[in-house]
C-alpha atoms as a PDB file:
ATOM      1  CA  MET A   1     -19.663  -7.517  34.304  1.00  0.00           C
ATOM      2  CA  SER A   2     -16.518  -5.484  32.186  1.00  0.00           C
ATOM      3  CA  GLN A   3     -13.443  -7.222  30.569  1.00  0.00           C
ATOM      4  CA  LEU A   4     -10.911  -7.846  33.198  1.00  0.00           C
ATOM      5  CA  THR A   5      -7.211  -7.686  32.493  1.00  0.00           C
ATOM      6  CA  ILE A   6      -4.666  -9.112  34.789  1.00  0.00           C
ATOM      7  CA  VAL A   7      -0.874  -8.410  34.808  1.00  0.00           C
ATOM      8  CA  ALA A   8       1.047 -11.046  37.270  1.00  0.00           C
ATOM      9  CA  LYS A   9       4.695 -10.574  37.728  1.00  0.00           C
ATOM     10  CA  ILE A  10       6.672 -13.807  38.968  1.00  0.00           C
ATOM     11  CA  LEU A  11      10.077 -13.613  40.035  1.00  0.00           C
ATOM     12  CA  ALA A  12      11.894 -16.641  40.000  1.00  0.00           C
ATOM     13  CA  LYS A  13      14.764 -17.298  43.006  1.00  0.00           C
ATOM     14  CA  GLU A  14      18.424 -16.916  41.387  1.00  0.00           C
ATOM     15  CA  GLY A  15      19.479 -20.540  39.676  1.00  0.00           C
ATOM     16  CA  LYS A  16      15.505 -21.435  39.537  1.00  0.00           C
ATOM     17  CA  SER A  17      14.479 -19.653  36.155  1.00  0.00           C
ATOM     18  CA  THR A  18      14.314 -22.666  34.040  1.00  0.00           C
ATOM     19  CA  PHE A  19      12.434 -24.609  36.138  1.00  0.00           C
ATOM     20  CA  ILE A  20      10.139 -21.756  37.160  1.00  0.00           C
ATOM     21  CA  GLN A  21       9.237 -20.949  33.200  1.00  0.00           C
ATOM     22  CA  GLU A  22       8.702 -24.798  32.618  1.00  0.00           C
ATOM     23  CA  GLU A  23       6.012 -24.425  35.300  1.00  0.00           C
ATOM     24  CA  LEU A  24       4.523 -21.479  33.908  1.00  0.00           C
ATOM     25  CA  ILE A  25       4.513 -22.643  30.512  1.00  0.00           C
ATOM     26  CA  LYS A  26       2.095 -25.999  32.086  1.00  0.00           C
ATOM     27  CA  LEU A  27      -0.291 -23.849  32.821  1.00  0.00           C
ATOM     28  CA  ILE A  28      -0.663 -21.822  29.124  1.00  0.00           C
ATOM     29  CA  GLU A  29      -2.764 -24.464  27.335  1.00  0.00           C
ATOM     30  CA  ILE A  30      -5.121 -25.536  29.990  1.00  0.00           C
ATOM     31  CA  THR A  31      -5.524 -21.797  31.094  1.00  0.00           C
ATOM     32  CA  ARG A  32      -6.774 -20.496  27.501  1.00  0.00           C
ATOM     33  CA  ALA A  33      -9.170 -23.625  27.706  1.00  0.00           C
ATOM     34  CA  GLU A  34     -10.880 -22.483  30.607  1.00  0.00           C
ATOM     35  CA  LYS A  35     -14.386 -20.709  29.879  1.00  0.00           C
ATOM     36  CA  GLY A  36     -13.910 -16.785  29.824  1.00  0.00           C
ATOM     37  CA  CYS A  37     -10.258 -16.558  28.869  1.00  0.00           C
ATOM     38  CA  ILE A  38      -9.682 -14.254  26.238  1.00  0.00           C
ATOM     39  CA  ASN A  39      -5.644 -14.583  25.872  1.00  0.00           C
ATOM     40  CA  TYR A  40      -2.809 -15.714  28.581  1.00  0.00           C
ATOM     41  CA  ASP A  41       0.012 -14.572  27.513  1.00  0.00           C
ATOM     42  CA  LEU A  42       3.779 -15.207  29.057  1.00  0.00           C
ATOM     43  CA  HIS A  43       6.295 -13.370  28.982  1.00  0.00           C
ATOM     44  CA  GLN A  44      10.084 -13.420  30.277  1.00  0.00           C
ATOM     45  CA  ASP A  45      11.902 -10.132  30.664  1.00  0.00           C
ATOM     46  CA  ASN A  46      14.980  -9.911  27.735  1.00  0.00           C
ATOM     47  CA  GLU A  47      17.388  -8.845  31.053  1.00  0.00           C
ATOM     48  CA  ASN A  48      16.579 -10.598  33.874  1.00  0.00           C
ATOM     49  CA  GLU A  49      15.849 -14.480  32.979  1.00  0.00           C
ATOM     50  CA  ASN A  50      14.345 -14.630  36.710  1.00  0.00           C
ATOM     51  CA  LEU A  51      11.739 -12.497  35.810  1.00  0.00           C
ATOM     52  CA  PHE A  52       8.225 -13.708  34.212  1.00  0.00           C
ATOM     53  CA  LEU A  53       4.758 -11.719  33.168  1.00  0.00           C
ATOM     54  CA  PHE A  54       1.363 -13.219  32.344  1.00  0.00           C
ATOM     55  CA  TYR A  55      -0.311 -10.497  30.388  1.00  0.00           C
ATOM     56  CA  GLU A  56      -4.433 -12.312  31.001  1.00  0.00           C
ATOM     57  CA  ASN A  57      -7.419 -10.880  29.836  1.00  0.00           C
ATOM     58  CA  TRP A  58     -10.784 -12.520  30.947  1.00  0.00           C
ATOM     59  CA  GLU A  59     -14.514 -11.899  30.150  1.00  0.00           C
ATOM     60  CA  ASN A  60     -14.987 -10.726  33.587  1.00  0.00           C
ATOM     61  CA  ARG A  61     -13.999 -10.884  37.463  1.00  0.00           C
ATOM     62  CA  GLU A  62     -15.693 -14.070  38.069  1.00  0.00           C
ATOM     63  CA  LEU A  63     -14.978 -16.262  35.302  1.00  0.00           C
ATOM     64  CA  TRP A  64     -10.999 -15.052  36.580  1.00  0.00           C
ATOM     65  CA  GLN A  65     -11.779 -15.655  40.385  1.00  0.00           C
ATOM     66  CA  GLN A  66     -12.862 -19.363  39.252  1.00  0.00           C
ATOM     67  CA  HIS A  67      -9.733 -19.649  37.149  1.00  0.00           C
ATOM     68  CA  MET A  68      -7.728 -18.797  40.464  1.00  0.00           C
ATOM     69  CA  GLN A  69      -9.778 -21.943  42.157  1.00  0.00           C
ATOM     70  CA  ASN A  70      -8.551 -24.609  39.517  1.00  0.00           C
ATOM     71  CA  ASP A  71      -6.590 -27.483  40.378  1.00  0.00           C
ATOM     72  CA  HIS A  72      -3.853 -26.503  38.150  1.00  0.00           C
ATOM     73  CA  LEU A  73      -3.079 -23.665  39.623  1.00  0.00           C
ATOM     74  CA  ALA A  74      -2.995 -25.012  43.352  1.00  0.00           C
ATOM     75  CA  ALA A  75      -1.029 -27.704  41.961  1.00  0.00           C
ATOM     76  CA  TYR A  76       1.508 -25.029  40.417  1.00  0.00           C
ATOM     77  CA  MET A  77       2.104 -23.300  43.636  1.00  0.00           C
ATOM     78  CA  LYS A  78       2.605 -26.811  45.602  1.00  0.00           C
ATOM     79  CA  THR A  79       5.075 -27.742  42.797  1.00  0.00           C
ATOM     80  CA  THR A  80       7.298 -24.458  42.903  1.00  0.00           C
ATOM     81  CA  GLU A  81       6.943 -23.741  45.981  1.00  0.00           C
ATOM     82  CA  GLY A  82      10.366 -22.376  47.780  1.00  0.00           C
ATOM     83  CA  ALA A  83      11.303 -20.956  44.207  1.00  0.00           C
ATOM     84  CA  VAL A  84       9.453 -18.007  43.665  1.00  0.00           C
ATOM     85  CA  GLU A  85      11.157 -14.689  45.108  1.00  0.00           C
ATOM     86  CA  SER A  86       8.059 -12.747  45.058  1.00  0.00           C
ATOM     87  CA  PHE A  87       4.949 -12.699  43.002  1.00  0.00           C
ATOM     88  CA  GLU A  88       2.667  -9.658  42.387  1.00  0.00           C
ATOM     89  CA  LEU A  89      -1.057  -9.496  40.578  1.00  0.00           C
ATOM     90  CA  ASN A  90      -2.997  -6.340  39.140  1.00  0.00           C
ATOM     91  CA  GLU A  91      -5.987  -6.563  38.513  1.00  0.00           C
ATOM     92  CA  MET A  92      -6.996  -3.969  35.984  1.00  0.00           C
ATOM     93  CA  THR A  93      -9.771  -2.410  33.375  1.00  0.00           C
ATOM     94  CA  VAL A  94      -8.998  -1.058  30.129  1.00  0.00           C
ATOM     95  CA  ILE A  95     -10.000   2.888  30.410  1.00  0.00           C
ATOM     96  CA  GLY A  96      -9.066   3.996  26.468  1.00  0.00           C
END
C-alpha cells in the first residue's frame, strides 16, 4: 500500500472561525500520535479567517480510515454541528 495524502478543507460559518479553530486544534496532538500518521498540519487562510485546511500524510489508506473512525473525530463532528458552512476532503497520491 502506498502513502496517502489528505487535503481537508473546512469553511466555518460567519462568526464561528474562532470556535472552529479551537476545536480543530484539539484534534492535532491526538491525531499526530495515531498509528500511521506521518504529518497532520492545520492551516488558516491569510485572507479568509473562516477557511481552514488540514494537510495530512498517512502511511496508507487503511490506517487513515482507522483514524476516521476514532472517537475524537466523532466528538468534533458533534461539537461543531451547525458551525461549519462546508467540508471538502480529497484523497491524493504523490506522483512526482
